[in-house]
N, C-alpha and C. Protein backbone atom coordinates (compact mmCIF):
# COMPACT_ATOMS: atom_id res chain seq x y z
N MET A 1 24.54 -84.79 56.54
CA MET A 1 23.66 -84.54 57.67
C MET A 1 22.53 -85.56 57.62
N ARG A 2 22.18 -86.10 58.77
CA ARG A 2 21.08 -87.06 58.82
C ARG A 2 19.76 -86.38 58.47
N THR A 3 18.85 -87.15 57.90
CA THR A 3 17.58 -86.57 57.45
C THR A 3 16.69 -86.11 58.59
N THR A 4 16.95 -86.55 59.81
CA THR A 4 16.13 -86.11 60.95
C THR A 4 16.70 -84.86 61.60
N GLU A 5 17.83 -84.38 61.13
CA GLU A 5 18.45 -83.22 61.74
C GLU A 5 17.93 -81.93 61.13
N ALA A 6 18.11 -80.87 61.90
CA ALA A 6 17.71 -79.55 61.45
C ALA A 6 18.79 -78.56 61.85
N LEU A 7 18.77 -77.42 61.19
CA LEU A 7 19.61 -76.29 61.58
C LEU A 7 18.70 -75.21 62.13
N GLY A 8 19.18 -74.53 63.16
CA GLY A 8 18.45 -73.42 63.73
C GLY A 8 19.35 -72.20 63.80
N LEU A 9 18.82 -71.05 63.43
CA LEU A 9 19.59 -69.82 63.42
C LEU A 9 18.84 -68.74 64.17
N ILE A 10 19.56 -68.04 65.04
CA ILE A 10 19.01 -66.85 65.69
C ILE A 10 19.97 -65.71 65.42
N GLU A 11 19.45 -64.69 64.73
CA GLU A 11 20.26 -63.51 64.44
C GLU A 11 19.85 -62.40 65.40
N THR A 12 20.84 -61.78 66.00
CA THR A 12 20.59 -60.71 66.96
C THR A 12 21.41 -59.48 66.60
N ARG A 13 21.02 -58.38 67.17
CA ARG A 13 21.85 -57.18 67.09
C ARG A 13 22.50 -57.06 68.45
N GLY A 14 23.78 -57.35 68.49
CA GLY A 14 24.53 -57.32 69.74
C GLY A 14 25.02 -58.70 70.14
N PHE A 15 26.28 -58.75 70.52
CA PHE A 15 26.92 -60.02 70.87
C PHE A 15 26.32 -60.63 72.13
N ALA A 16 26.02 -59.81 73.12
CA ALA A 16 25.49 -60.33 74.38
C ALA A 16 24.16 -61.05 74.17
N ALA A 17 23.33 -60.52 73.31
CA ALA A 17 22.04 -61.17 73.02
C ALA A 17 22.25 -62.52 72.35
N MET A 18 23.25 -62.62 71.48
CA MET A 18 23.55 -63.89 70.83
C MET A 18 24.07 -64.91 71.83
N VAL A 19 24.92 -64.47 72.75
CA VAL A 19 25.43 -65.39 73.78
C VAL A 19 24.29 -65.86 74.67
N GLU A 20 23.40 -64.96 75.03
CA GLU A 20 22.24 -65.32 75.85
C GLU A 20 21.35 -66.33 75.12
N ALA A 21 21.14 -66.09 73.83
CA ALA A 21 20.34 -67.03 73.02
C ALA A 21 21.01 -68.39 72.97
N SER A 22 22.31 -68.41 72.75
CA SER A 22 23.06 -69.67 72.66
C SER A 22 22.96 -70.46 73.96
N ASP A 23 23.14 -69.78 75.07
CA ASP A 23 23.07 -70.43 76.37
C ASP A 23 21.68 -71.03 76.60
N ALA A 24 20.66 -70.26 76.29
CA ALA A 24 19.28 -70.74 76.48
C ALA A 24 18.97 -71.92 75.57
N MET A 25 19.47 -71.89 74.34
CA MET A 25 19.18 -72.98 73.40
C MET A 25 19.78 -74.30 73.86
N VAL A 26 21.05 -74.28 74.26
CA VAL A 26 21.68 -75.55 74.65
C VAL A 26 21.17 -76.06 76.00
N LYS A 27 20.63 -75.16 76.82
CA LYS A 27 20.03 -75.58 78.09
C LYS A 27 18.61 -76.11 77.90
N ALA A 28 17.91 -75.59 76.90
CA ALA A 28 16.49 -75.93 76.72
C ALA A 28 16.27 -77.25 75.99
N ALA A 29 17.20 -77.64 75.15
CA ALA A 29 16.97 -78.83 74.32
C ALA A 29 18.31 -79.48 73.97
N LYS A 30 18.21 -80.71 73.51
CA LYS A 30 19.42 -81.44 73.13
C LYS A 30 19.85 -81.01 71.73
N VAL A 31 20.55 -79.89 71.67
CA VAL A 31 21.08 -79.37 70.42
C VAL A 31 22.56 -79.10 70.61
N GLU A 32 23.26 -79.01 69.50
CA GLU A 32 24.69 -78.69 69.52
C GLU A 32 24.87 -77.28 68.96
N LEU A 33 25.56 -76.44 69.71
CA LEU A 33 25.91 -75.12 69.22
C LEU A 33 27.05 -75.32 68.23
N VAL A 34 26.76 -75.13 66.96
CA VAL A 34 27.71 -75.44 65.90
C VAL A 34 28.66 -74.28 65.65
N SER A 35 28.12 -73.07 65.63
CA SER A 35 28.93 -71.92 65.25
C SER A 35 28.20 -70.64 65.58
N TYR A 36 28.93 -69.56 65.44
CA TYR A 36 28.29 -68.25 65.41
C TYR A 36 28.99 -67.46 64.32
N GLU A 37 28.26 -66.55 63.73
CA GLU A 37 28.79 -65.76 62.62
C GLU A 37 28.62 -64.29 62.94
N LYS A 38 29.69 -63.52 62.76
CA LYS A 38 29.62 -62.06 62.86
C LYS A 38 29.25 -61.54 61.48
N ILE A 39 28.14 -60.85 61.41
CA ILE A 39 27.64 -60.38 60.13
C ILE A 39 28.20 -58.99 59.81
N GLY A 40 28.40 -58.20 60.82
CA GLY A 40 28.83 -56.81 60.65
C GLY A 40 27.74 -55.89 61.16
N GLY A 41 28.12 -54.69 61.51
CA GLY A 41 27.15 -53.72 62.00
C GLY A 41 26.50 -54.15 63.31
N GLY A 42 27.19 -55.00 64.06
CA GLY A 42 26.66 -55.47 65.33
C GLY A 42 25.74 -56.68 65.23
N TYR A 43 25.52 -57.17 64.03
CA TYR A 43 24.66 -58.33 63.84
C TYR A 43 25.47 -59.62 63.96
N VAL A 44 24.94 -60.55 64.73
CA VAL A 44 25.57 -61.86 64.90
C VAL A 44 24.50 -62.94 64.87
N THR A 45 24.89 -64.13 64.42
CA THR A 45 23.96 -65.24 64.31
C THR A 45 24.51 -66.45 65.03
N ALA A 46 23.71 -67.05 65.89
CA ALA A 46 24.05 -68.31 66.56
C ALA A 46 23.41 -69.44 65.76
N ILE A 47 24.16 -70.53 65.58
CA ILE A 47 23.69 -71.64 64.76
C ILE A 47 23.75 -72.93 65.57
N VAL A 48 22.62 -73.63 65.64
CA VAL A 48 22.55 -74.90 66.34
C VAL A 48 22.06 -75.98 65.39
N ARG A 49 22.31 -77.22 65.77
CA ARG A 49 21.76 -78.33 65.00
C ARG A 49 21.30 -79.41 65.97
N GLY A 50 20.42 -80.24 65.48
CA GLY A 50 19.89 -81.34 66.28
C GLY A 50 18.63 -81.86 65.64
N ASP A 51 17.91 -82.67 66.38
CA ASP A 51 16.63 -83.19 65.93
C ASP A 51 15.68 -82.01 65.68
N VAL A 52 14.79 -82.16 64.71
CA VAL A 52 13.89 -81.07 64.33
C VAL A 52 13.12 -80.53 65.53
N ALA A 53 12.54 -81.40 66.32
CA ALA A 53 11.75 -80.96 67.49
C ALA A 53 12.63 -80.26 68.52
N ALA A 54 13.84 -80.77 68.72
CA ALA A 54 14.76 -80.16 69.69
C ALA A 54 15.19 -78.78 69.22
N VAL A 55 15.48 -78.64 67.94
CA VAL A 55 15.89 -77.33 67.41
C VAL A 55 14.74 -76.34 67.52
N ARG A 56 13.53 -76.80 67.25
CA ARG A 56 12.35 -75.92 67.36
C ARG A 56 12.21 -75.41 68.80
N ALA A 57 12.35 -76.30 69.78
CA ALA A 57 12.26 -75.91 71.19
C ALA A 57 13.40 -74.98 71.57
N ALA A 58 14.60 -75.28 71.08
CA ALA A 58 15.76 -74.45 71.38
C ALA A 58 15.59 -73.04 70.82
N LEU A 59 15.08 -72.94 69.61
CA LEU A 59 14.89 -71.62 68.99
C LEU A 59 13.87 -70.79 69.76
N GLU A 60 12.82 -71.44 70.23
CA GLU A 60 11.82 -70.71 71.01
C GLU A 60 12.44 -70.15 72.28
N ALA A 61 13.18 -70.99 73.00
CA ALA A 61 13.83 -70.54 74.24
C ALA A 61 14.89 -69.49 73.96
N GLY A 62 15.68 -69.70 72.91
CA GLY A 62 16.74 -68.75 72.58
C GLY A 62 16.21 -67.40 72.15
N GLY A 63 15.14 -67.40 71.39
CA GLY A 63 14.54 -66.14 70.96
C GLY A 63 14.01 -65.32 72.12
N ILE A 64 13.37 -65.99 73.07
CA ILE A 64 12.86 -65.30 74.25
C ILE A 64 14.00 -64.73 75.08
N ALA A 65 15.03 -65.55 75.31
CA ALA A 65 16.17 -65.13 76.13
C ALA A 65 16.91 -63.96 75.49
N ALA A 66 17.15 -64.04 74.19
CA ALA A 66 17.88 -62.97 73.50
C ALA A 66 17.09 -61.67 73.53
N GLY A 67 15.78 -61.76 73.43
CA GLY A 67 14.93 -60.57 73.46
C GLY A 67 14.98 -59.82 74.77
N LYS A 68 15.35 -60.50 75.85
CA LYS A 68 15.47 -59.84 77.15
C LYS A 68 16.77 -59.04 77.27
N VAL A 69 17.74 -59.36 76.41
CA VAL A 69 19.07 -58.73 76.50
C VAL A 69 19.30 -57.73 75.37
N GLY A 70 18.75 -58.00 74.21
CA GLY A 70 18.98 -57.15 73.04
C GLY A 70 17.90 -57.34 72.01
N ASP A 71 18.25 -57.05 70.78
CA ASP A 71 17.28 -57.13 69.68
C ASP A 71 17.41 -58.44 68.93
N VAL A 72 16.29 -59.13 68.75
CA VAL A 72 16.25 -60.34 67.93
C VAL A 72 15.85 -59.91 66.52
N VAL A 73 16.72 -60.19 65.56
CA VAL A 73 16.46 -59.81 64.18
C VAL A 73 15.65 -60.89 63.48
N SER A 74 16.07 -62.15 63.63
CA SER A 74 15.32 -63.25 63.02
C SER A 74 15.62 -64.56 63.72
N VAL A 75 14.64 -65.45 63.64
CA VAL A 75 14.75 -66.81 64.17
C VAL A 75 14.29 -67.72 63.04
N HIS A 76 15.14 -68.70 62.68
CA HIS A 76 14.79 -69.52 61.51
C HIS A 76 15.17 -70.98 61.73
N LEU A 77 14.28 -71.87 61.34
CA LEU A 77 14.48 -73.31 61.41
C LEU A 77 14.56 -73.86 59.99
N ILE A 78 15.60 -74.66 59.73
CA ILE A 78 15.72 -75.35 58.44
C ILE A 78 15.66 -76.85 58.72
N PRO A 79 14.47 -77.45 58.57
CA PRO A 79 14.38 -78.89 58.80
C PRO A 79 14.99 -79.66 57.63
N ARG A 80 15.72 -80.69 57.95
CA ARG A 80 16.33 -81.57 56.94
C ARG A 80 17.01 -80.79 55.82
N PRO A 81 18.04 -79.99 56.14
CA PRO A 81 18.72 -79.24 55.08
C PRO A 81 19.36 -80.20 54.08
N HIS A 82 19.44 -79.77 52.86
CA HIS A 82 20.04 -80.57 51.79
C HIS A 82 21.51 -80.83 52.10
N ASP A 83 22.03 -81.97 51.66
CA ASP A 83 23.43 -82.32 51.90
C ASP A 83 24.39 -81.28 51.36
N ASN A 84 24.03 -80.59 50.29
CA ASN A 84 24.91 -79.57 49.74
C ASN A 84 25.14 -78.41 50.70
N VAL A 85 24.19 -78.15 51.57
CA VAL A 85 24.37 -77.11 52.58
C VAL A 85 25.53 -77.50 53.49
N ASP A 86 25.58 -78.75 53.88
CA ASP A 86 26.66 -79.23 54.74
C ASP A 86 28.00 -79.21 54.03
N ILE A 87 27.99 -79.47 52.74
CA ILE A 87 29.24 -79.48 51.96
C ILE A 87 29.74 -78.05 51.74
N ALA A 88 28.84 -77.15 51.37
CA ALA A 88 29.24 -75.80 51.00
C ALA A 88 29.50 -74.88 52.18
N LEU A 89 28.80 -75.11 53.27
CA LEU A 89 28.91 -74.23 54.44
C LEU A 89 29.32 -75.04 55.65
N PRO A 90 30.04 -74.43 56.57
CA PRO A 90 30.45 -75.17 57.77
C PRO A 90 29.35 -75.29 58.81
N LEU A 91 28.14 -74.90 58.48
CA LEU A 91 27.06 -74.84 59.47
C LEU A 91 26.72 -76.18 60.09
N GLY A 92 26.75 -77.22 59.29
CA GLY A 92 26.35 -78.52 59.79
C GLY A 92 27.50 -79.36 60.32
N ARG A 93 28.68 -78.82 60.31
CA ARG A 93 29.84 -79.61 60.71
C ARG A 93 30.14 -79.40 62.18
N GLY A 94 30.29 -80.49 62.88
CA GLY A 94 30.58 -80.43 64.30
C GLY A 94 32.07 -80.38 64.58
N ARG A 95 32.41 -80.46 65.85
CA ARG A 95 33.81 -80.40 66.29
C ARG A 95 34.65 -81.52 65.70
N ASP A 96 34.08 -82.71 65.54
CA ASP A 96 34.84 -83.84 65.01
C ASP A 96 35.42 -83.53 63.64
N TYR A 97 34.64 -82.88 62.81
CA TYR A 97 35.10 -82.53 61.47
C TYR A 97 36.29 -81.59 61.55
N TRP A 98 36.17 -80.54 62.36
CA TRP A 98 37.24 -79.54 62.44
C TRP A 98 38.47 -80.12 63.12
N GLU A 99 38.30 -81.02 64.08
CA GLU A 99 39.45 -81.68 64.70
C GLU A 99 40.19 -82.53 63.66
N MET A 100 39.45 -83.20 62.79
CA MET A 100 40.07 -83.99 61.73
C MET A 100 40.86 -83.09 60.78
N ILE A 101 40.29 -81.96 60.40
CA ILE A 101 40.98 -81.01 59.52
C ILE A 101 42.26 -80.52 60.18
N GLU A 102 42.17 -80.16 61.46
CA GLU A 102 43.34 -79.66 62.19
C GLU A 102 44.43 -80.73 62.27
N GLN A 103 44.05 -81.97 62.54
CA GLN A 103 45.02 -83.06 62.61
C GLN A 103 45.69 -83.28 61.25
N ASN A 104 44.92 -83.23 60.18
CA ASN A 104 45.49 -83.39 58.85
C ASN A 104 46.45 -82.26 58.51
N GLU A 105 46.11 -81.04 58.90
CA GLU A 105 47.00 -79.92 58.67
C GLU A 105 48.30 -80.08 59.45
N GLN A 106 48.18 -80.54 60.70
CA GLN A 106 49.37 -80.76 61.52
C GLN A 106 50.26 -81.84 60.92
N LYS A 107 49.65 -82.92 60.44
CA LYS A 107 50.42 -83.99 59.80
C LYS A 107 51.14 -83.47 58.55
N ALA A 108 50.48 -82.62 57.78
CA ALA A 108 51.10 -82.06 56.58
C ALA A 108 52.29 -81.18 56.95
N ILE A 109 52.16 -80.40 58.01
CA ILE A 109 53.26 -79.55 58.48
C ILE A 109 54.43 -80.41 58.93
N GLU A 110 54.13 -81.44 59.72
CA GLU A 110 55.19 -82.34 60.21
C GLU A 110 55.88 -83.05 59.05
N HIS A 111 55.10 -83.46 58.06
CA HIS A 111 55.67 -84.14 56.89
C HIS A 111 56.60 -83.19 56.12
N LYS A 112 56.15 -81.95 55.95
CA LYS A 112 56.94 -80.94 55.24
C LYS A 112 58.23 -80.66 56.00
N GLU A 113 58.15 -80.54 57.33
CA GLU A 113 59.34 -80.28 58.14
C GLU A 113 60.31 -81.45 58.11
N SER A 114 59.79 -82.67 58.09
CA SER A 114 60.68 -83.84 58.04
C SER A 114 61.43 -83.90 56.72
N LYS A 115 60.83 -83.42 55.64
CA LYS A 115 61.52 -83.38 54.34
C LYS A 115 62.65 -82.36 54.36
N LYS A 116 62.45 -81.23 55.07
CA LYS A 116 63.50 -80.21 55.17
C LYS A 116 64.71 -80.76 55.92
N ILE A 117 64.47 -81.54 56.95
CA ILE A 117 65.54 -82.09 57.78
C ILE A 117 66.37 -83.09 56.98
N THR A 118 65.75 -83.88 56.15
CA THR A 118 66.47 -84.93 55.41
C THR A 118 67.22 -84.39 54.21
N ARG A 119 67.00 -83.19 53.81
CA ARG A 119 67.69 -82.64 52.63
C ARG A 119 69.03 -82.11 52.97
């Protein structure tokens, strides 16, 4: 993750509030909605990344929007997260990373199937 990037998390009670927060965040600032996590018990977290200032603005807008629909449990900004966060958790990984993983898995399946045919 670049040193100017940040992660932003909004945890809500209720899926609709999380969707509302996500929509408001991506509309309010130049951030990427990276993921959402179901925690259990109705708790869900929306995760965005982008420039520190953009994530800060997105979190403010998302927190307000989510509060109109449901309960906001927490709003948190992690400026310049350590590289190990990106390695250990999928939070900082965008679509390009997952597309690469999917393509590699598909190639492995095709390779395995081609070996079955030649035997």
